[in-house]
């Protein structure tokens, strides 16, 4: 309830200040929503897009190395001695 009240208070301030043109109002709404989004992301401690892409590339390379190791182990199977 307090979050919706925050947004409503911001809109009321905008109207009081006389920012009634559509362009100004839409820019202010976008700025308010961006700031709230940034607060939420900061609280959740999410990574940025660049960090995510770097981590994703690392995971892909590690998966490739793991698959290569599995393949090399399967090729190096020990030969069983023939029973006489």
N, C-alpha and C. Protein backbone atom coordinates (compact mmCIF):
# COMPACT_ATOMS: atom_id res chain seq x y z
N UNK A 1 0.83 -1.18 0.00
CA UNK A 1 0.00 0.00 0.00
C UNK A 1 0.87 1.25 0.00
N UNK A 2 1.98 1.20 0.73
CA UNK A 2 2.85 2.38 0.82
C UNK A 2 3.52 2.68 -0.52
N UNK A 3 3.80 1.63 -1.32
CA UNK A 3 4.43 1.84 -2.61
C UNK A 3 3.49 2.56 -3.57
N UNK A 4 2.22 2.15 -3.59
CA UNK A 4 1.26 2.83 -4.46
C UNK A 4 1.03 4.25 -3.97
N UNK A 5 1.07 4.45 -2.70
CA UNK A 5 0.90 5.79 -2.13
C UNK A 5 2.07 6.69 -2.55
N UNK A 6 3.27 6.11 -2.61
CA UNK A 6 4.45 6.86 -3.04
C UNK A 6 4.26 7.39 -4.46
N UNK A 7 3.79 6.51 -5.35
CA UNK A 7 3.59 6.91 -6.74
C UNK A 7 2.50 7.96 -6.83
N UNK A 8 1.42 7.77 -6.09
CA UNK A 8 0.34 8.76 -6.12
C UNK A 8 0.80 10.11 -5.59
N UNK A 9 1.63 10.11 -4.56
CA UNK A 9 2.17 11.37 -4.03
C UNK A 9 3.03 12.07 -5.06
N UNK A 10 3.82 11.30 -5.80
CA UNK A 10 4.65 11.90 -6.85
C UNK A 10 3.77 12.53 -7.93
N UNK A 11 2.70 11.85 -8.33
CA UNK A 11 1.80 12.40 -9.34
C UNK A 11 1.12 13.67 -8.83
N UNK A 12 0.74 13.67 -7.56
CA UNK A 12 0.11 14.85 -6.99
C UNK A 12 1.06 16.03 -6.98
N UNK A 13 2.32 15.80 -6.67
CA UNK A 13 3.31 16.87 -6.71
C UNK A 13 3.48 17.42 -8.11
N UNK A 14 3.46 16.53 -9.10
CA UNK A 14 3.60 16.98 -10.48
C UNK A 14 2.45 17.90 -10.87
N UNK A 15 1.25 17.51 -10.50
CA UNK A 15 0.08 18.33 -10.85
C UNK A 15 0.13 19.66 -10.13
N UNK A 16 0.55 19.64 -8.87
CA UNK A 16 0.65 20.88 -8.11
C UNK A 16 1.67 21.83 -8.72
N UNK A 17 2.75 21.30 -9.23
CA UNK A 17 3.80 22.14 -9.78
C UNK A 17 3.45 22.66 -11.17
N UNK A 18 2.37 22.19 -11.75
CA UNK A 18 1.94 22.71 -13.03
C UNK A 18 2.55 22.02 -14.23
N UNK A 19 3.08 20.84 -14.04
CA UNK A 19 3.65 20.08 -15.17
C UNK A 19 2.53 19.28 -15.81
N UNK A 20 1.70 19.96 -16.58
CA UNK A 20 0.53 19.30 -17.14
C UNK A 20 0.70 18.91 -18.60
N UNK A 21 1.75 19.36 -19.24
CA UNK A 21 1.91 18.95 -20.63
C UNK A 21 2.24 17.47 -20.67
N UNK A 22 1.78 16.81 -21.71
CA UNK A 22 1.92 15.36 -21.81
C UNK A 22 3.38 14.94 -21.83
N UNK A 23 4.19 15.67 -22.55
CA UNK A 23 5.60 15.29 -22.68
C UNK A 23 6.31 15.37 -21.33
N UNK A 24 6.13 16.46 -20.62
CA UNK A 24 6.76 16.61 -19.31
C UNK A 24 6.26 15.56 -18.33
N UNK A 25 4.97 15.32 -18.37
CA UNK A 25 4.39 14.34 -17.46
C UNK A 25 4.91 12.95 -17.76
N UNK A 26 4.99 12.59 -19.04
CA UNK A 26 5.48 11.26 -19.38
C UNK A 26 6.95 11.10 -19.02
N UNK A 27 7.76 12.14 -19.21
CA UNK A 27 9.18 12.07 -18.83
C UNK A 27 9.33 11.89 -17.33
N UNK A 28 8.53 12.60 -16.57
CA UNK A 28 8.60 12.47 -15.11
C UNK A 28 8.16 11.08 -14.66
N UNK A 29 7.13 10.54 -15.30
CA UNK A 29 6.69 9.18 -14.95
C UNK A 29 7.78 8.17 -15.24
N UNK A 30 8.43 8.31 -16.38
CA UNK A 30 9.51 7.39 -16.74
C UNK A 30 10.65 7.52 -15.74
N UNK A 31 11.00 8.72 -15.35
CA UNK A 31 12.08 8.93 -14.38
C UNK A 31 11.73 8.32 -13.03
N UNK A 32 10.50 8.48 -12.60
CA UNK A 32 10.07 7.91 -11.31
C UNK A 32 10.15 6.39 -11.36
N UNK A 33 9.64 5.81 -12.44
CA UNK A 33 9.66 4.35 -12.56
C UNK A 33 11.07 3.80 -12.67
N UNK A 34 11.95 4.50 -13.36
CA UNK A 34 13.34 4.06 -13.47
C UNK A 34 14.02 4.09 -12.11
N UNK A 35 13.75 5.14 -11.34
CA UNK A 35 14.39 5.23 -10.02
C UNK A 35 13.89 4.12 -9.11
N UNK A 36 12.60 3.80 -9.18
CA UNK A 36 12.07 2.71 -8.37
C UNK A 36 12.65 1.37 -8.81
N UNK A 37 12.81 1.19 -10.14
CA UNK A 37 13.41 -0.04 -10.66
C UNK A 37 14.84 -0.18 -10.17
N UNK A 38 15.59 0.92 -10.21
CA UNK A 38 16.98 0.88 -9.74
C UNK A 38 17.06 0.54 -8.26
N UNK A 39 16.13 1.07 -7.47
CA UNK A 39 16.10 0.75 -6.05
C UNK A 39 15.85 -0.74 -5.84
N UNK A 40 14.92 -1.30 -6.59
CA UNK A 40 14.58 -2.71 -6.45
C UNK A 40 15.77 -3.58 -6.86
N UNK A 41 16.40 -3.24 -7.97
CA UNK A 41 17.56 -4.01 -8.44
C UNK A 41 18.69 -3.93 -7.42
N UNK A 42 18.90 -2.77 -6.84
CA UNK A 42 19.96 -2.62 -5.85
C UNK A 42 19.65 -3.47 -4.62
N UNK A 43 18.39 -3.49 -4.19
CA UNK A 43 18.02 -4.28 -3.02
C UNK A 43 18.18 -5.78 -3.28
N UNK A 44 17.90 -6.20 -4.51
CA UNK A 44 17.99 -7.62 -4.84
C UNK A 44 19.42 -8.04 -5.17
N UNK A 45 20.30 -7.08 -5.31
CA UNK A 45 21.71 -7.33 -5.61
C UNK A 45 21.88 -8.14 -6.89
N UNK A 46 21.15 -7.74 -7.94
CA UNK A 46 21.25 -8.39 -9.24
C UNK A 46 22.48 -7.90 -9.97
N UNK A 47 22.93 -8.70 -10.92
CA UNK A 47 24.09 -8.29 -11.71
C UNK A 47 23.64 -7.42 -12.87
N UNK A 48 24.56 -6.68 -13.40
CA UNK A 48 24.25 -5.87 -14.57
C UNK A 48 24.24 -6.75 -15.81
N UNK A 49 23.81 -6.20 -16.92
CA UNK A 49 23.73 -6.97 -18.16
C UNK A 49 25.11 -7.41 -18.62
N UNK A 50 26.10 -6.53 -18.49
CA UNK A 50 27.45 -6.88 -18.89
C UNK A 50 28.01 -8.01 -18.04
N UNK A 51 27.78 -7.92 -16.73
CA UNK A 51 28.27 -8.98 -15.85
C UNK A 51 27.59 -10.31 -16.18
N UNK A 52 26.30 -10.25 -16.49
CA UNK A 52 25.56 -11.47 -16.82
C UNK A 52 26.13 -12.11 -18.07
N UNK A 53 26.43 -11.31 -19.08
CA UNK A 53 26.97 -11.86 -20.32
C UNK A 53 28.35 -12.48 -20.09
N UNK A 54 29.17 -11.84 -19.28
CA UNK A 54 30.49 -12.38 -18.97
C UNK A 54 30.35 -13.71 -18.23
N UNK A 55 29.47 -13.75 -17.25
CA UNK A 55 29.27 -14.99 -16.49
C UNK A 55 28.70 -16.09 -17.38
N UNK A 56 27.82 -15.71 -18.29
CA UNK A 56 27.24 -16.69 -19.20
C UNK A 56 28.32 -17.29 -20.10
N UNK A 57 29.23 -16.46 -20.61
CA UNK A 57 30.32 -16.97 -21.45
C UNK A 57 31.23 -17.89 -20.66
N UNK A 58 31.48 -17.57 -19.40
CA UNK A 58 32.31 -18.43 -18.56
C UNK A 58 31.67 -19.80 -18.37
N UNK A 59 30.37 -19.79 -18.12
CA UNK A 59 29.67 -21.05 -17.91
C UNK A 59 29.70 -21.90 -19.17
N UNK A 60 29.51 -21.27 -20.33
CA UNK A 60 29.54 -22.00 -21.59
C UNK A 60 30.92 -22.61 -21.82
N UNK A 61 31.97 -21.84 -21.56
CA UNK A 61 33.32 -22.38 -21.76
C UNK A 61 33.61 -23.52 -20.78
N UNK A 62 33.15 -23.42 -19.55
CA UNK A 62 33.35 -24.49 -18.59
C UNK A 62 32.58 -25.75 -18.99
N UNK A 63 31.39 -25.58 -19.54
CA UNK A 63 30.62 -26.73 -20.00
C UNK A 63 31.34 -27.42 -21.16
N UNK A 64 31.93 -26.64 -22.07
CA UNK A 64 32.67 -27.23 -23.18
C UNK A 64 33.87 -28.01 -22.67
N UNK A 65 34.60 -27.44 -21.70
CA UNK A 65 35.76 -28.13 -21.14
C UNK A 65 35.33 -29.43 -20.45
N UNK A 66 34.22 -29.38 -19.74
CA UNK A 66 33.73 -30.57 -19.06
C UNK A 66 33.35 -31.65 -20.06
N UNK A 67 32.70 -31.26 -21.14
CA UNK A 67 32.35 -32.25 -22.18
C UNK A 67 33.60 -32.83 -22.81
N UNK A 68 34.62 -32.01 -23.05
CA UNK A 68 35.87 -32.50 -23.62
C UNK A 68 36.54 -33.50 -22.68
N UNK A 69 36.53 -33.22 -21.40
CA UNK A 69 37.12 -34.13 -20.42
C UNK A 69 36.37 -35.46 -20.39
N UNK A 70 35.04 -35.39 -20.45
CA UNK A 70 34.24 -36.62 -20.46
C UNK A 70 34.53 -37.45 -21.71
N UNK A 71 34.67 -36.78 -22.86
CA UNK A 71 34.97 -37.50 -24.09
C UNK A 71 36.34 -38.15 -24.04
N UNK A 72 37.32 -37.43 -23.50
CA UNK A 72 38.67 -37.98 -23.43
C UNK A 72 38.72 -39.16 -22.46
N UNK A 73 37.95 -39.12 -21.39
CA UNK A 73 37.92 -40.24 -20.46
C UNK A 73 37.27 -41.46 -21.10
N UNK A 74 36.24 -41.23 -21.89
CA UNK A 74 35.58 -42.37 -22.52
C UNK A 74 36.48 -43.00 -23.59
N UNK A 75 37.35 -42.23 -24.21
CA UNK A 75 38.28 -42.76 -25.21
C UNK A 75 39.44 -43.50 -24.55
N UNK A 76 39.77 -43.16 -23.34
CA UNK A 76 40.91 -43.77 -22.65
C UNK A 76 40.50 -44.95 -21.78
N UNK A 77 39.45 -45.66 -22.17
CA UNK A 77 39.03 -46.81 -21.37
C UNK A 77 40.14 -47.86 -21.37
N UNK A 78 40.29 -48.50 -20.25
CA UNK A 78 41.33 -49.52 -20.14
C UNK A 78 40.90 -50.78 -20.87
N UNK A 79 41.89 -51.42 -21.49
CA UNK A 79 41.63 -52.66 -22.19
C UNK A 79 41.62 -53.80 -21.21
N UNK A 80 40.64 -54.67 -21.37
CA UNK A 80 40.57 -55.81 -20.48
C UNK A 80 41.48 -56.92 -21.01
N UNK A 81 42.15 -57.56 -20.09
CA UNK A 81 43.04 -58.66 -20.45
C UNK A 81 42.21 -59.90 -20.79
N UNK A 82 42.67 -60.63 -21.79
CA UNK A 82 41.96 -61.85 -22.17
C UNK A 82 42.24 -62.93 -21.16
N UNK A 83 41.20 -63.64 -20.85
CA UNK A 83 41.36 -64.76 -19.91
C UNK A 83 41.86 -65.97 -20.69
N UNK A 84 42.79 -66.66 -20.11
CA UNK A 84 43.31 -67.83 -20.81
C UNK A 84 42.84 -69.10 -20.18
